[in-house]
C-alpha atoms as a PDB file:
ATOM      1  CA  MET A   1     -35.759 -95.980  -1.969  1.00  0.00           C
ATOM      2  CA  ALA A   2     -34.085 -98.019  -4.675  1.00  0.00           C
ATOM      3  CA  LEU A   3     -31.053 -96.704  -6.530  1.00  0.00           C
ATOM      4  CA  ALA A   4     -32.245 -98.077  -9.848  1.00  0.00           C
ATOM      5  CA  CYS A   5     -35.231 -99.792 -11.359  1.00  0.00           C
ATOM      6  CA  PRO A   6     -35.238-103.597 -11.251  1.00  0.00           C
ATOM      7  CA  GLU A   7     -34.656-103.746 -15.010  1.00  0.00           C
ATOM      8  CA  ASN A   8     -31.358-101.847 -14.582  1.00  0.00           C
ATOM      9  CA  TRP A   9     -29.693-104.525 -12.418  1.00  0.00           C
ATOM     10  CA  PRO A  10     -27.540-105.902 -15.267  1.00  0.00           C
ATOM     11  CA  TYR A  11     -26.155-102.398 -15.796  1.00  0.00           C
ATOM     12  CA  LEU A  12     -25.373-101.991 -12.100  1.00  0.00           C
ATOM     13  CA  LYS A  13     -23.738-105.417 -11.875  1.00  0.00           C
ATOM     14  CA  SER A  14     -21.397-104.587 -14.760  1.00  0.00           C
ATOM     15  CA  MET A  15     -20.421-101.300 -13.098  1.00  0.00           C
ATOM     16  CA  VAL A  16     -19.405-102.937  -9.819  1.00  0.00           C
ATOM     17  CA  GLN A  17     -15.646-103.372  -9.564  1.00  0.00           C
ATOM     18  CA  PRO A  18     -13.689-104.973  -6.754  1.00  0.00           C
ATOM     19  CA  ILE A  19     -11.982-102.578  -4.388  1.00  0.00           C
ATOM     20  CA  SER A  20      -8.670-104.375  -4.622  1.00  0.00           C
ATOM     21  CA  THR A  21      -7.391-105.489  -8.023  1.00  0.00           C
ATOM     22  CA  HIS A  22      -4.162-106.842  -6.553  1.00  0.00           C
ATOM     23  CA  ASP A  23      -3.250-110.057  -8.323  1.00  0.00           C
ATOM     24  CA  GLY A  24      -0.092-110.858  -6.377  1.00  0.00           C
ATOM     25  CA  ARG A  25       2.415-109.152  -8.676  1.00  0.00           C
ATOM     26  CA  VAL A  26       4.655-106.427  -7.361  1.00  0.00           C
ATOM     27  CA  VAL A  27       5.524-103.728  -9.867  1.00  0.00           C
ATOM     28  CA  ALA A  28       8.966-102.190  -9.458  1.00  0.00           C
ATOM     29  CA  THR A  29       8.875 -98.410  -9.238  1.00  0.00           C
ATOM     30  CA  ARG A  30      11.661 -95.881  -9.274  1.00  0.00           C
ATOM     31  CA  PRO A  31      12.611 -94.506  -5.888  1.00  0.00           C
ATOM     32  CA  GLN A  32      11.262 -90.990  -5.467  1.00  0.00           C
ATOM     33  CA  GLY A  33      14.074 -89.810  -3.189  1.00  0.00           C
ATOM     34  CA  ARG A  34      15.946 -87.963  -5.924  1.00  0.00           C
ATOM     35  CA  VAL A  35      12.889 -86.038  -7.091  1.00  0.00           C
ATOM     36  CA  ALA A  36      11.926 -85.058  -3.550  1.00  0.00           C
ATOM     37  CA  SER A  37      15.485 -84.037  -2.790  1.00  0.00           C
ATOM     38  CA  ALA A  38      15.636 -81.890  -5.928  1.00  0.00           C
ATOM     39  CA  ILE A  39      12.385 -80.169  -4.982  1.00  0.00           C
ATOM     40  CA  VAL A  40      13.607 -79.446  -1.453  1.00  0.00           C
ATOM     41  CA  TRP A  41      16.952 -78.102  -2.681  1.00  0.00           C
ATOM     42  CA  GLY A  42      15.216 -75.979  -5.318  1.00  0.00           C
ATOM     43  CA  ALA A  43      12.852 -74.479  -2.742  1.00  0.00           C
ATOM     44  CA  ALA A  44      15.755 -73.810  -0.382  1.00  0.00           C
ATOM     45  CA  GLY A  45      17.661 -72.117  -3.203  1.00  0.00           C
ATOM     46  CA  LEU A  46      14.695 -69.882  -4.035  1.00  0.00           C
ATOM     47  CA  GLY A  47      14.333 -68.985  -0.366  1.00  0.00           C
ATOM     48  CA  VAL A  48      17.998 -68.024  -0.152  1.00  0.00           C
ATOM     49  CA  LEU A  49      17.683 -65.914  -3.315  1.00  0.00           C
ATOM     50  CA  ALA A  50      14.649 -64.101  -1.885  1.00  0.00           C
ATOM     51  CA  LEU A  51      16.495 -63.441   1.361  1.00  0.00           C
ATOM     52  CA  LEU A  52      19.568 -62.144  -0.469  1.00  0.00           C
ATOM     53  CA  GLY A  53      17.381 -59.909  -2.624  1.00  0.00           C
ATOM     54  CA  ALA A  54      15.678 -58.473   0.457  1.00  0.00           C
ATOM     55  CA  LEU A  55      19.030 -57.827   2.113  1.00  0.00           C
ATOM     56  CA  ALA A  56      20.374 -56.163  -1.035  1.00  0.00           C
ATOM     57  CA  LEU A  57      17.354 -53.846  -1.187  1.00  0.00           C
ATOM     58  CA  TRP A  58      17.711 -53.085   2.496  1.00  0.00           C
ATOM     59  CA  PHE A  59      21.357 -52.095   2.153  1.00  0.00           C
ATOM     60  CA  HIS A  60      20.762 -50.151  -1.075  1.00  0.00           C
ATOM     61  CA  TYR A  61      17.687 -48.133  -0.060  1.00  0.00           C
ATOM     62  CA  GLY A  62      18.050 -48.063   3.712  1.00  0.00           C
ATOM     63  CA  THR A  63      15.748 -49.344   6.375  1.00  0.00           C
ATOM     64  CA  ALA A  64      13.132 -46.557   6.177  1.00  0.00           C
ATOM     65  CA  VAL A  65      12.476 -46.990   2.457  1.00  0.00           C
ATOM     66  CA  PHE A  66      12.643 -50.768   2.747  1.00  0.00           C
ATOM     67  CA  PHE A  67      10.008 -50.888   5.498  1.00  0.00           C
ATOM     68  CA  GLU A  68       7.842 -48.375   3.603  1.00  0.00           C
ATOM     69  CA  MET A  69       7.919 -50.665   0.548  1.00  0.00           C
ATOM     70  CA  ILE A  70       6.985 -53.669   2.687  1.00  0.00           C
ATOM     71  CA  ALA A  71       4.141 -51.733   4.339  1.00  0.00           C
ATOM     72  CA  ALA A  72       2.865 -50.535   0.955  1.00  0.00           C
ATOM     73  CA  GLY A  73       2.937 -54.074  -0.391  1.00  0.00           C
ATOM     74  CA  ILE A  74       1.032 -55.454   2.578  1.00  0.00           C
ATOM     75  CA  SER A  75      -1.563 -52.670   2.418  1.00  0.00           C
ATOM     76  CA  ALA A  76      -2.023 -53.329  -1.303  1.00  0.00           C
ATOM     77  CA  CYS A  77      -2.889 -56.941  -0.516  1.00  0.00           C
ATOM     78  CA  PHE A  78      -5.563 -55.993   2.002  1.00  0.00           C
END
C-alpha cells in the first residue's frame, strides 16, 4: 500500500530531511553543573525542612497524635 499518490511525490520529497544536520561546527554551550547542583541542593534543603517539620510536630503533639495524623492522611489518599 502506497503512502501517497504518485502525484504527491514532490510534496514528500520536500518533506524529507536528513537525520543529521551536523555541518562540522561545534557550538559552545554553558556547563550545566551549576544548575544541576542548585537543583540537588534545593531538593536536599526541602527534604531537611520536611524532616524538621515532622520532628517538630512529633515533639509538640506526641507520638500518638502524630501517628494518628499520618494514618488519617494515608487513609484519605486511598
